[in-house]
PDB file of all heavy atoms in Angstrom:
ATOM      1  N   GLY A   1      18.024   3.774  -6.979  1.00  0.00           N
ATOM      2  CA  GLY A   1      18.997   3.603  -8.039  1.00  0.00           C
ATOM      3  C   GLY A   1      20.391   3.375  -7.498  1.00  0.00           C
ATOM      4  O   GLY A   1      20.704   3.746  -6.363  1.00  0.00           O
ATOM      5  N   GLY A   2      21.239   2.751  -8.324  1.00  0.00           N
ATOM      6  CA  GLY A   2      22.639   2.588  -7.977  1.00  0.00           C
ATOM      7  C   GLY A   2      22.962   1.388  -7.111  1.00  0.00           C
ATOM      8  O   GLY A   2      24.071   1.310  -6.562  1.00  0.00           O
ATOM      9  N   PHE A   3      22.040   0.451  -7.006  1.00  0.00           N
ATOM     10  CA  PHE A   3      22.271  -0.738  -6.179  1.00  0.00           C
ATOM     11  C   PHE A   3      22.534  -1.954  -7.063  1.00  0.00           C
ATOM     12  O   PHE A   3      22.282  -1.912  -8.271  1.00  0.00           O
ATOM     13  CB  PHE A   3      21.065  -0.963  -5.265  1.00  0.00           C
ATOM     14  CG  PHE A   3      20.943   0.064  -4.166  1.00  0.00           C
ATOM     15  CD1 PHE A   3      20.207   1.218  -4.364  1.00  0.00           C
ATOM     16  CD2 PHE A   3      21.585  -0.120  -2.948  1.00  0.00           C
ATOM     17  CE1 PHE A   3      20.092   2.177  -3.366  1.00  0.00           C
ATOM     18  CE2 PHE A   3      21.496   0.839  -1.952  1.00  0.00           C
ATOM     19  CZ  PHE A   3      20.751   1.987  -2.158  1.00  0.00           C
ATOM     20  N   PRO A   4      23.018  -3.065  -6.475  1.00  0.00           N
ATOM     21  CA  PRO A   4      23.314  -4.252  -7.283  1.00  0.00           C
ATOM     22  C   PRO A   4      22.078  -4.762  -8.030  1.00  0.00           C
ATOM     23  O   PRO A   4      20.959  -4.727  -7.512  1.00  0.00           O
ATOM     24  CB  PRO A   4      23.804  -5.268  -6.239  1.00  0.00           C
ATOM     25  CG  PRO A   4      24.335  -4.429  -5.118  1.00  0.00           C
ATOM     26  CD  PRO A   4      23.446  -3.223  -5.070  1.00  0.00           C
ATOM     27  N   GLU A   5      22.305  -5.265  -9.234  1.00  0.00           N
ATOM     28  CA  GLU A   5      21.216  -5.689 -10.107  1.00  0.00           C
ATOM     29  C   GLU A   5      20.274  -6.717  -9.470  1.00  0.00           C
ATOM     30  O   GLU A   5      19.049  -6.645  -9.680  1.00  0.00           O
ATOM     31  CB  GLU A   5      21.787  -6.252 -11.409  1.00  0.00           C
ATOM     32  CG  GLU A   5      20.730  -6.686 -12.410  1.00  0.00           C
ATOM     33  CD  GLU A   5      19.793  -5.552 -12.815  1.00  0.00           C
ATOM     34  OE1 GLU A   5      20.216  -4.384 -12.782  1.00  0.00           O
ATOM     35  OE2 GLU A   5      18.627  -5.857 -13.159  1.00  0.00           O
ATOM     36  N   PRO A   6      20.778  -7.692  -8.684  1.00  0.00           N
ATOM     37  CA  PRO A   6      19.835  -8.670  -8.105  1.00  0.00           C
ATOM     38  C   PRO A   6      18.741  -8.032  -7.257  1.00  0.00           C
ATOM     39  O   PRO A   6      17.647  -8.604  -7.131  1.00  0.00           O
ATOM     40  CB  PRO A   6      20.747  -9.561  -7.250  1.00  0.00           C
ATOM     41  CG  PRO A   6      22.076  -9.484  -7.934  1.00  0.00           C
ATOM     42  CD  PRO A   6      22.182  -8.074  -8.422  1.00  0.00           C
ATOM     43  N   LEU A   7      19.007  -6.850  -6.692  1.00  0.00           N
ATOM     44  CA  LEU A   7      17.992  -6.199  -5.872  1.00  0.00           C
ATOM     45  C   LEU A   7      16.774  -5.819  -6.712  1.00  0.00           C
ATOM     46  O   LEU A   7      15.642  -5.831  -6.226  1.00  0.00           O
ATOM     47  CB  LEU A   7      18.589  -4.960  -5.208  1.00  0.00           C
ATOM     48  CG  LEU A   7      17.955  -4.476  -3.906  1.00  0.00           C
ATOM     49  CD1 LEU A   7      17.994  -5.553  -2.838  1.00  0.00           C
ATOM     50  CD2 LEU A   7      18.651  -3.224  -3.407  1.00  0.00           C
ATOM     51  N   TYR A   8      17.015  -5.515  -7.979  1.00  0.00           N
ATOM     52  CA  TYR A   8      15.919  -5.096  -8.860  1.00  0.00           C
ATOM     53  C   TYR A   8      15.112  -6.286  -9.380  1.00  0.00           C
ATOM     54  O   TYR A   8      14.055  -6.099  -9.979  1.00  0.00           O
ATOM     55  CB  TYR A   8      16.476  -4.279 -10.027  1.00  0.00           C
ATOM     56  CG  TYR A   8      17.181  -3.029  -9.580  1.00  0.00           C
ATOM     57  CD1 TYR A   8      18.555  -3.045  -9.308  1.00  0.00           C
ATOM     58  CD2 TYR A   8      16.489  -1.840  -9.393  1.00  0.00           C
ATOM     59  CE1 TYR A   8      19.214  -1.903  -8.872  1.00  0.00           C
ATOM     60  CE2 TYR A   8      17.147  -0.693  -8.959  1.00  0.00           C
ATOM     61  CZ  TYR A   8      18.500  -0.735  -8.703  1.00  0.00           C
ATOM     62  OH  TYR A   8      19.148   0.402  -8.264  1.00  0.00           O
ATOM     63  N   GLN A   9      15.614  -7.477  -9.144  1.00  0.00           N
ATOM     64  CA  GLN A   9      14.886  -8.672  -9.576  1.00  0.00           C
ATOM     65  C   GLN A   9      13.935  -9.189  -8.501  1.00  0.00           C
ATOM     66  O   GLN A   9      13.123 -10.075  -8.758  1.00  0.00           O
ATOM     67  CB  GLN A   9      15.878  -9.782  -9.957  1.00  0.00           C
ATOM     68  CG  GLN A   9      16.910  -9.376 -10.996  1.00  0.00           C
ATOM     69  CD  GLN A   9      16.283  -8.801 -12.247  1.00  0.00           C
ATOM     70  OE1 GLN A   9      15.300  -9.334 -12.766  1.00  0.00           O
ATOM     71  NE2 GLN A   9      16.839  -7.696 -12.738  1.00  0.00           N
ATOM     72  N   ILE A  10      14.027  -8.641  -7.307  1.00  0.00           N
ATOM     73  CA  ILE A  10      13.190  -9.112  -6.201  1.00  0.00           C
ATOM     74  C   ILE A  10      11.741  -8.703  -6.441  1.00  0.00           C
ATOM     75  O   ILE A  10      11.447  -7.575  -6.838  1.00  0.00           O
ATOM     76  CB  ILE A  10      13.684  -8.541  -4.860  1.00  0.00           C
ATOM     77  CG1 ILE A  10      15.055  -9.131  -4.510  1.00  0.00           C
ATOM     78  CG2 ILE A  10      12.674  -8.817  -3.742  1.00  0.00           C
ATOM     79  CD1 ILE A  10      15.674  -8.522  -3.269  1.00  0.00           C
ATOM     80  N   ARG A  11      10.852  -9.626  -6.205  1.00  0.00           N
ATOM     81  CA  ARG A  11       9.418  -9.353  -6.224  1.00  0.00           C
ATOM     82  C   ARG A  11       8.839  -9.767  -4.871  1.00  0.00           C
ATOM     83  O   ARG A  11       9.232 -10.785  -4.306  1.00  0.00           O
ATOM     84  CB  ARG A  11       8.709 -10.129  -7.340  1.00  0.00           C
ATOM     85  CG  ARG A  11       9.173  -9.768  -8.740  1.00  0.00           C
ATOM     86  CD  ARG A  11       8.815  -8.343  -9.100  1.00  0.00           C
ATOM     87  NE  ARG A  11       9.217  -7.981 -10.462  1.00  0.00           N
ATOM     88  CZ  ARG A  11      10.396  -7.442 -10.769  1.00  0.00           C
ATOM     89  NH1 ARG A  11      11.300  -7.203  -9.820  1.00  0.00           N
ATOM     90  NH2 ARG A  11      10.675  -7.136 -12.014  1.00  0.00           N
ATOM     91  N   TYR A  12       7.924  -8.951  -4.372  1.00  0.00           N
ATOM     92  CA  TYR A  12       7.207  -9.294  -3.141  1.00  0.00           C
ATOM     93  C   TYR A  12       5.728  -9.374  -3.507  1.00  0.00           C
ATOM     94  O   TYR A  12       5.008  -8.362  -3.478  1.00  0.00           O
ATOM     95  CB  TYR A  12       7.467  -8.265  -2.039  1.00  0.00           C
ATOM     96  CG  TYR A  12       6.936  -8.723  -0.693  1.00  0.00           C
ATOM     97  CD1 TYR A  12       7.604  -9.708   0.021  1.00  0.00           C
ATOM     98  CD2 TYR A  12       5.763  -8.188  -0.153  1.00  0.00           C
ATOM     99  CE1 TYR A  12       7.120 -10.151   1.242  1.00  0.00           C
ATOM    100  CE2 TYR A  12       5.281  -8.624   1.071  1.00  0.00           C
ATOM    101  CZ  TYR A  12       5.961  -9.614   1.762  1.00  0.00           C
ATOM    102  OH  TYR A  12       5.483 -10.053   2.974  1.00  0.00           O
ATOM    103  N   PRO A  13       5.248 -10.571  -3.865  1.00  0.00           N
ATOM    104  CA  PRO A  13       3.917 -10.714  -4.469  1.00  0.00           C
ATOM    105  C   PRO A  13       2.780 -10.839  -3.459  1.00  0.00           C
ATOM    106  O   PRO A  13       1.845 -11.638  -3.660  1.00  0.00           O
ATOM    107  CB  PRO A  13       4.070 -11.989  -5.295  1.00  0.00           C
ATOM    108  CG  PRO A  13       5.033 -12.823  -4.496  1.00  0.00           C
ATOM    109  CD  PRO A  13       6.010 -11.838  -3.879  1.00  0.00           C
ATOM    110  N   ALA A  14       2.829 -10.071  -2.383  1.00  0.00           N
ATOM    111  CA  ALA A  14       1.735 -10.115  -1.406  1.00  0.00           C
ATOM    112  C   ALA A  14       0.449  -9.609  -2.050  1.00  0.00           C
ATOM    113  O   ALA A  14       0.474  -8.666  -2.846  1.00  0.00           O
ATOM    114  CB  ALA A  14       2.073  -9.269  -0.186  1.00  0.00           C
ATOM    115  N   PRO A  15      -0.678 -10.197  -1.707  1.00  0.00           N
ATOM    116  CA  PRO A  15      -1.945  -9.674  -2.227  1.00  0.00           C
ATOM    117  C   PRO A  15      -2.284  -8.336  -1.591  1.00  0.00           C
ATOM    118  O   PRO A  15      -1.816  -8.021  -0.499  1.00  0.00           O
ATOM    119  CB  PRO A  15      -2.960 -10.745  -1.820  1.00  0.00           C
ATOM    120  CG  PRO A  15      -2.356 -11.392  -0.607  1.00  0.00           C
ATOM    121  CD  PRO A  15      -0.864 -11.364  -0.840  1.00  0.00           C
ATOM    122  N   GLY A  16      -3.095  -7.569  -2.284  1.00  0.00           N
ATOM    123  CA  GLY A  16      -3.654  -6.366  -1.686  1.00  0.00           C
ATOM    124  C   GLY A  16      -4.938  -6.696  -0.947  1.00  0.00           C
ATOM    125  O   GLY A  16      -5.333  -7.854  -0.812  1.00  0.00           O
ATOM    126  N   HIS A  17      -5.597  -5.651  -0.453  1.00  0.00           N
ATOM    127  CA  HIS A  17      -6.857  -5.835   0.280  1.00  0.00           C
ATOM    128  C   HIS A  17      -7.722  -4.592   0.029  1.00  0.00           C
ATOM    129  O   HIS A  17      -7.803  -3.699   0.883  1.00  0.00           O
ATOM    130  CB  HIS A  17      -6.560  -6.016   1.757  1.00  0.00           C
ATOM    131  CG  HIS A  17      -7.669  -6.644   2.545  1.00  0.00           C
ATOM    132  ND1 HIS A  17      -9.013  -6.350   2.333  1.00  0.00           N
ATOM    133  CD2 HIS A  17      -7.653  -7.559   3.574  1.00  0.00           C
ATOM    134  CE1 HIS A  17      -9.753  -7.041   3.174  1.00  0.00           C
ATOM    135  NE2 HIS A  17      -8.958  -7.791   3.925  1.00  0.00           N
ATOM    136  N   PRO A  18      -8.356  -4.542  -1.151  1.00  0.00           N
ATOM    137  CA  PRO A  18      -9.157  -3.351  -1.473  1.00  0.00           C
ATOM    138  C   PRO A  18     -10.235  -3.032  -0.450  1.00  0.00           C
ATOM    139  O   PRO A  18     -10.513  -1.856  -0.183  1.00  0.00           O
ATOM    140  CB  PRO A  18      -9.759  -3.702  -2.836  1.00  0.00           C
ATOM    141  CG  PRO A  18      -8.799  -4.694  -3.425  1.00  0.00           C
ATOM    142  CD  PRO A  18      -8.301  -5.499  -2.262  1.00  0.00           C
ATOM    143  N   ASP A  19     -10.865  -4.057   0.132  1.00  0.00           N
ATOM    144  CA  ASP A  19     -11.914  -3.798   1.121  1.00  0.00           C
ATOM    145  C   ASP A  19     -11.346  -3.116   2.356  1.00  0.00           C
ATOM    146  O   ASP A  19     -11.966  -2.194   2.910  1.00  0.00           O
ATOM    147  CB  ASP A  19     -12.610  -5.106   1.521  1.00  0.00           C
ATOM    148  CG  ASP A  19     -13.484  -5.669   0.418  1.00  0.00           C
ATOM    149  OD1 ASP A  19     -13.807  -4.909  -0.532  1.00  0.00           O
ATOM    150  OD2 ASP A  19     -13.836  -6.853   0.485  1.00  0.00           O
ATOM    151  N   LEU A  20     -10.171  -3.560   2.793  1.00  0.00           N
ATOM    152  CA  LEU A  20      -9.533  -2.929   3.947  1.00  0.00           C
ATOM    153  C   LEU A  20      -9.121  -1.500   3.612  1.00  0.00           C
ATOM    154  O   LEU A  20      -9.248  -0.601   4.453  1.00  0.00           O
ATOM    155  CB  LEU A  20      -8.321  -3.749   4.391  1.00  0.00           C
ATOM    156  CG  LEU A  20      -7.488  -3.165   5.538  1.00  0.00           C
ATOM    157  CD1 LEU A  20      -8.332  -2.966   6.790  1.00  0.00           C
ATOM    158  CD2 LEU A  20      -6.283  -4.063   5.833  1.00  0.00           C
ATOM    159  N   ALA A  21      -8.626  -1.277   2.404  1.00  0.00           N
ATOM    160  CA  ALA A  21      -8.265   0.083   1.996  1.00  0.00           C
ATOM    161  C   ALA A  21      -9.471   1.004   2.068  1.00  0.00           C
ATOM    162  O   ALA A  21      -9.378   2.138   2.562  1.00  0.00           O
ATOM    163  CB  ALA A  21      -7.680   0.064   0.589  1.00  0.00           C
ATOM    164  N   ARG A  22     -10.620   0.512   1.620  1.00  0.00           N
ATOM    165  CA  ARG A  22     -11.825   1.345   1.666  1.00  0.00           C
ATOM    166  C   ARG A  22     -12.307   1.550   3.100  1.00  0.00           C
ATOM    167  O   ARG A  22     -12.784   2.634   3.456  1.00  0.00           O
ATOM    168  CB  ARG A  22     -12.914   0.721   0.805  1.00  0.00           C
ATOM    169  CG  ARG A  22     -12.665   0.874  -0.703  1.00  0.00           C
ATOM    170  CD  ARG A  22     -13.853   0.423  -1.510  1.00  0.00           C
ATOM    171  NE  ARG A  22     -14.012  -1.033  -1.482  1.00  0.00           N
ATOM    172  CZ  ARG A  22     -13.460  -1.853  -2.366  1.00  0.00           C
ATOM    173  NH1 ARG A  22     -12.700  -1.368  -3.341  1.00  0.00           N
ATOM    174  NH2 ARG A  22     -13.662  -3.146  -2.289  1.00  0.00           N
ATOM    175  N   GLU A  23     -12.189   0.518   3.929  1.00  0.00           N
ATOM    176  CA  GLU A  23     -12.568   0.683   5.329  1.00  0.00           C
ATOM    177  C   GLU A  23     -11.675   1.720   6.012  1.00  0.00           C
ATOM    178  O   GLU A  23     -12.160   2.576   6.764  1.00  0.00           O
ATOM    179  CB  GLU A  23     -12.467  -0.646   6.082  1.00  0.00           C
ATOM    180  CG  GLU A  23     -12.820  -0.503   7.559  1.00  0.00           C
ATOM    181  CD  GLU A  23     -12.581  -1.765   8.389  1.00  0.00           C
ATOM    182  OE1 GLU A  23     -12.315  -2.832   7.798  1.00  0.00           O
ATOM    183  OE2 GLU A  23     -12.662  -1.660   9.634  1.00  0.00           O
ATOM    184  N   ALA A  24     -10.374   1.638   5.761  1.00  0.00           N
ATOM    185  CA  ALA A  24      -9.455   2.609   6.346  1.00  0.00           C
ATOM    186  C   ALA A  24      -9.768   4.015   5.854  1.00  0.00           C
ATOM    187  O   ALA A  24      -9.729   4.982   6.634  1.00  0.00           O
ATOM    188  CB  ALA A  24      -8.016   2.223   6.005  1.00  0.00           C
ATOM    189  N   MET A  25     -10.078   4.151   4.571  1.00  0.00           N
ATOM    190  CA  MET A  25     -10.444   5.459   4.039  1.00  0.00           C
ATOM    191  C   MET A  25     -11.667   6.004   4.758  1.00  0.00           C
ATOM    192  O   MET A  25     -11.708   7.200   5.114  1.00  0.00           O
ATOM    193  CB  MET A  25     -10.722   5.356   2.540  1.00  0.00           C
ATOM    194  CG  MET A  25     -11.119   6.680   1.897  1.00  0.00           C
ATOM    195  SD  MET A  25     -11.604   6.528   0.152  1.00  0.00           S
ATOM    196  CE  MET A  25     -13.173   5.643   0.336  1.00  0.00           C
ATOM    197  N   GLN A  26     -12.657   5.143   5.012  1.00  0.00           N
ATOM    198  CA  GLN A  26     -13.864   5.603   5.687  1.00  0.00           C
ATOM    199  C   GLN A  26     -13.572   6.010   7.120  1.00  0.00           C
ATOM    200  O   GLN A  26     -14.110   7.010   7.617  1.00  0.00           O
ATOM    201  CB  GLN A  26     -14.936   4.518   5.654  1.00  0.00           C
ATOM    202  CG  GLN A  26     -16.288   4.978   6.173  1.00  0.00           C
ATOM    203  CD  GLN A  26     -16.838   6.148   5.392  1.00  0.00           C
ATOM    204  OE1 GLN A  26     -16.968   6.075   4.169  1.00  0.00           O
ATOM    205  NE2 GLN A  26     -17.141   7.259   6.077  1.00  0.00           N
ATOM    206  N   ARG A  27     -12.714   5.254   7.802  1.00  0.00           N
ATOM    207  CA  ARG A  27     -12.361   5.614   9.178  1.00  0.00           C
ATOM    208  C   ARG A  27     -11.647   6.961   9.207  1.00  0.00           C
ATOM    209  O   ARG A  27     -11.872   7.772  10.115  1.00  0.00           O
ATOM    210  CB  ARG A  27     -11.497   4.525   9.811  1.00  0.00           C
ATOM    211  CG  ARG A  27     -12.254   3.220  10.089  1.00  0.00           C
ATOM    212  CD  ARG A  27     -11.431   2.262  10.913  1.00  0.00           C
ATOM    213  NE  ARG A  27     -12.146   1.024  11.186  1.00  0.00           N
ATOM    214  CZ  ARG A  27     -13.062   0.871  12.138  1.00  0.00           C
ATOM    215  NH1 ARG A  27     -13.358   1.903  12.934  1.00  0.00           N
ATOM    216  NH2 ARG A  27     -13.673  -0.280  12.322  1.00  0.00           N
ATOM    217  N   LEU A  28     -10.801   7.213   8.249  1.00  0.00           N
ATOM    218  CA  LEU A  28     -10.119   8.499   8.172  1.00  0.00           C
ATOM    219  C   LEU A  28     -11.119   9.615   7.875  1.00  0.00           C
ATOM    220  O   LEU A  28     -11.059  10.695   8.476  1.00  0.00           O
ATOM    221  CB  LEU A  28      -9.033   8.445   7.107  1.00  0.00           C
ATOM    222  CG  LEU A  28      -7.806   7.590   7.475  1.00  0.00           C
ATOM    223  CD1 LEU A  28      -7.017   7.219   6.228  1.00  0.00           C
ATOM    224  CD2 LEU A  28      -6.920   8.321   8.471  1.00  0.00           C
ATOM    225  N   ALA A  29     -12.051   9.347   6.965  1.00  0.00           N
ATOM    226  CA  ALA A  29     -13.070  10.350   6.648  1.00  0.00           C
ATOM    227  C   ALA A  29     -13.935  10.657   7.864  1.00  0.00           C
ATOM    228  O   ALA A  29     -14.279  11.817   8.130  1.00  0.00           O
ATOM    229  CB  ALA A  29     -13.927   9.873   5.482  1.00  0.00           C
ATOM    230  N   ASP A  30     -14.295   9.620   8.622  1.00  0.00           N
ATOM    231  CA  ASP A  30     -15.109   9.815   9.822  1.00  0.00           C
ATOM    232  C   ASP A  30     -14.381  10.666  10.858  1.00  0.00           C
ATOM    233  O   ASP A  30     -15.021  11.317  11.700  1.00  0.00           O
ATOM    234  CB  ASP A  30     -15.487   8.466  10.434  1.00  0.00           C
ATOM    235  CG  ASP A  30     -16.465   7.687   9.568  1.00  0.00           C
ATOM    236  OD1 ASP A  30     -17.077   8.288   8.662  1.00  0.00           O
ATOM    237  OD2 ASP A  30     -16.607   6.461   9.792  1.00  0.00           O
ATOM    238  N   ALA A  31     -13.045  10.644  10.809  1.00  0.00           N
ATOM    239  CA  ALA A  31     -12.236  11.455  11.731  1.00  0.00           C
ATOM    240  C   ALA A  31     -11.968  12.852  11.176  1.00  0.00           C
ATOM    241  O   ALA A  31     -11.203  13.612  11.777  1.00  0.00           O
ATOM    242  CB  ALA A  31     -10.919  10.747  12.026  1.00  0.00           C
ATOM    243  N   GLY A  32     -12.600  13.171  10.054  1.00  0.00           N
ATOM    244  CA  GLY A  32     -12.429  14.498   9.474  1.00  0.00           C
ATOM    245  C   GLY A  32     -11.211  14.644   8.592  1.00  0.00           C
ATOM    246  O   GLY A  32     -10.813  15.764   8.268  1.00  0.00           O
ATOM    247  N   LEU A  33     -10.626  13.517   8.186  1.00  0.00           N
ATOM    248  CA  LEU A  33      -9.427  13.543   7.361  1.00  0.00           C
ATOM    249  C   LEU A  33      -9.797  13.165   5.930  1.00  0.00           C
ATOM    250  O   LEU A  33     -10.417  12.126   5.697  1.00  0.00           O
ATOM    251  CB  LEU A  33      -8.373  12.571   7.907  1.00  0.00           C
ATOM    252  CG  LEU A  33      -7.944  12.846   9.354  1.00  0.00           C
ATOM    253  CD1 LEU A  33      -7.098  11.695   9.883  1.00  0.00           C
ATOM    254  CD2 LEU A  33      -7.173  14.153   9.440  1.00  0.00           C
ATOM    255  N   SER A  34      -9.423  13.987   5.000  1.00  0.00           N
ATOM    256  CA  SER A  34      -9.762  13.754   3.597  1.00  0.00           C
ATOM    257  C   SER A  34      -8.839  12.691   3.024  1.00  0.00           C
ATOM    258  O   SER A  34      -7.672  12.950   2.718  1.00  0.00           O
ATOM    259  CB  SER A  34      -9.628  15.056   2.802  1.00  0.00           C
ATOM    260  OG  SER A  34      -9.877  14.850   1.439  1.00  0.00           O
ATOM    261  N   ALA A  35      -9.350  11.485   2.884  1.00  0.00           N
ATOM    262  CA  ALA A  35      -8.542  10.357   2.434  1.00  0.00           C
ATOM    263  C   ALA A  35      -9.040   9.857   1.081  1.00  0.00           C
ATOM    264  O   ALA A  35     -10.161  10.151   0.662  1.00  0.00           O
ATOM    265  CB  ALA A  35      -8.600   9.229   3.459  1.00  0.00           C
TER     266      ALA A  35
END
């Protein structure tokens, strides 16, 4: 909050990667980390 208005108009429309998110979650789980 409190910054110039143009900053709030910026969009960064990069795609997500649900498969990678799930792979990372599994790697964390395999290491004993609750992800």
